Amino acid sequence: MKEFNIRNWPAALLNLVIAASLGGTVLTVTIA
């Protein structure tokens, strides 16, 4: 299980970055 988590860590981080980026874009557009 630990191995699985470590292996998926880069993908999970990438998903988090993409989600944050999209969320920030939506927030900026909404404010603007």
C-alpha atoms as a PDB file:
ATOM      1  CA  MET A   1       0.000   0.000   0.000  1.00  0.00           C
ATOM      2  CA  LYS A   2       2.841   2.365   0.892  1.00  0.00           C
ATOM      3  CA  GLU A   3       4.589   1.531  -2.382  1.00  0.00           C
ATOM      4  CA  PHE A   4       1.384   2.289  -4.284  1.00  0.00           C
ATOM      5  CA  ASN A   5       1.087   5.700  -2.618  1.00  0.00           C
ATOM      6  CA  ILE A   6       4.717   6.584  -3.343  1.00  0.00           C
ATOM      7  CA  ARG A   7       4.316   5.520  -6.961  1.00  0.00           C
ATOM      8  CA  ASN A   8       1.185   7.643  -7.397  1.00  0.00           C
ATOM      9  CA  TRP A   9       2.596  10.664  -5.557  1.00  0.00           C
ATOM     10  CA  PRO A  10       3.789  12.571  -8.685  1.00  0.00           C
ATOM     11  CA  ALA A  11       0.434  12.098 -10.418  1.00  0.00           C
ATOM     12  CA  ALA A  12      -1.448  13.168  -7.286  1.00  0.00           C
ATOM     13  CA  LEU A  13       0.733  16.263  -6.950  1.00  0.00           C
ATOM     14  CA  LEU A  14       0.222  17.094 -10.628  1.00  0.00           C
ATOM     15  CA  ASN A  15      -3.551  16.746 -10.203  1.00  0.00           C
ATOM     16  CA  LEU A  16      -3.407  19.049  -7.175  1.00  0.00           C
ATOM     17  CA  VAL A  17      -1.388  21.655  -9.101  1.00  0.00           C
ATOM     18  CA  ILE A  18      -3.773  21.487 -12.078  1.00  0.00           C
ATOM     19  CA  ALA A  19      -6.812  21.752  -9.795  1.00  0.00           C
ATOM     20  CA  ALA A  20      -5.298  24.735  -7.959  1.00  0.00           C
ATOM     21  CA  SER A  21      -4.395  26.361 -11.270  1.00  0.00           C
ATOM     22  CA  LEU A  22      -7.909  25.906 -12.668  1.00  0.00           C
ATOM     23  CA  GLY A  23      -9.451  27.078  -9.391  1.00  0.00           C
ATOM     24  CA  GLY A  24      -7.233  30.173  -9.387  1.00  0.00           C
ATOM     25  CA  THR A  25      -8.164  30.942 -12.997  1.00  0.00           C
ATOM     26  CA  VAL A  26     -11.886  30.617 -12.278  1.00  0.00           C
ATOM     27  CA  LEU A  27     -11.519  32.776  -9.163  1.00  0.00           C
ATOM     28  CA  THR A  28      -9.616  35.444 -11.121  1.00  0.00           C
ATOM     29  CA  VAL A  29     -12.179  35.482 -13.925  1.00  0.00           C
ATOM     30  CA  THR A  30     -15.019  35.674 -11.393  1.00  0.00           C
ATOM     31  CA  ILE A  31     -13.411  38.614  -9.578  1.00  0.00           C
ATOM     32  CA  ALA A  32     -12.505  40.368 -12.826  1.00  0.00           C
END
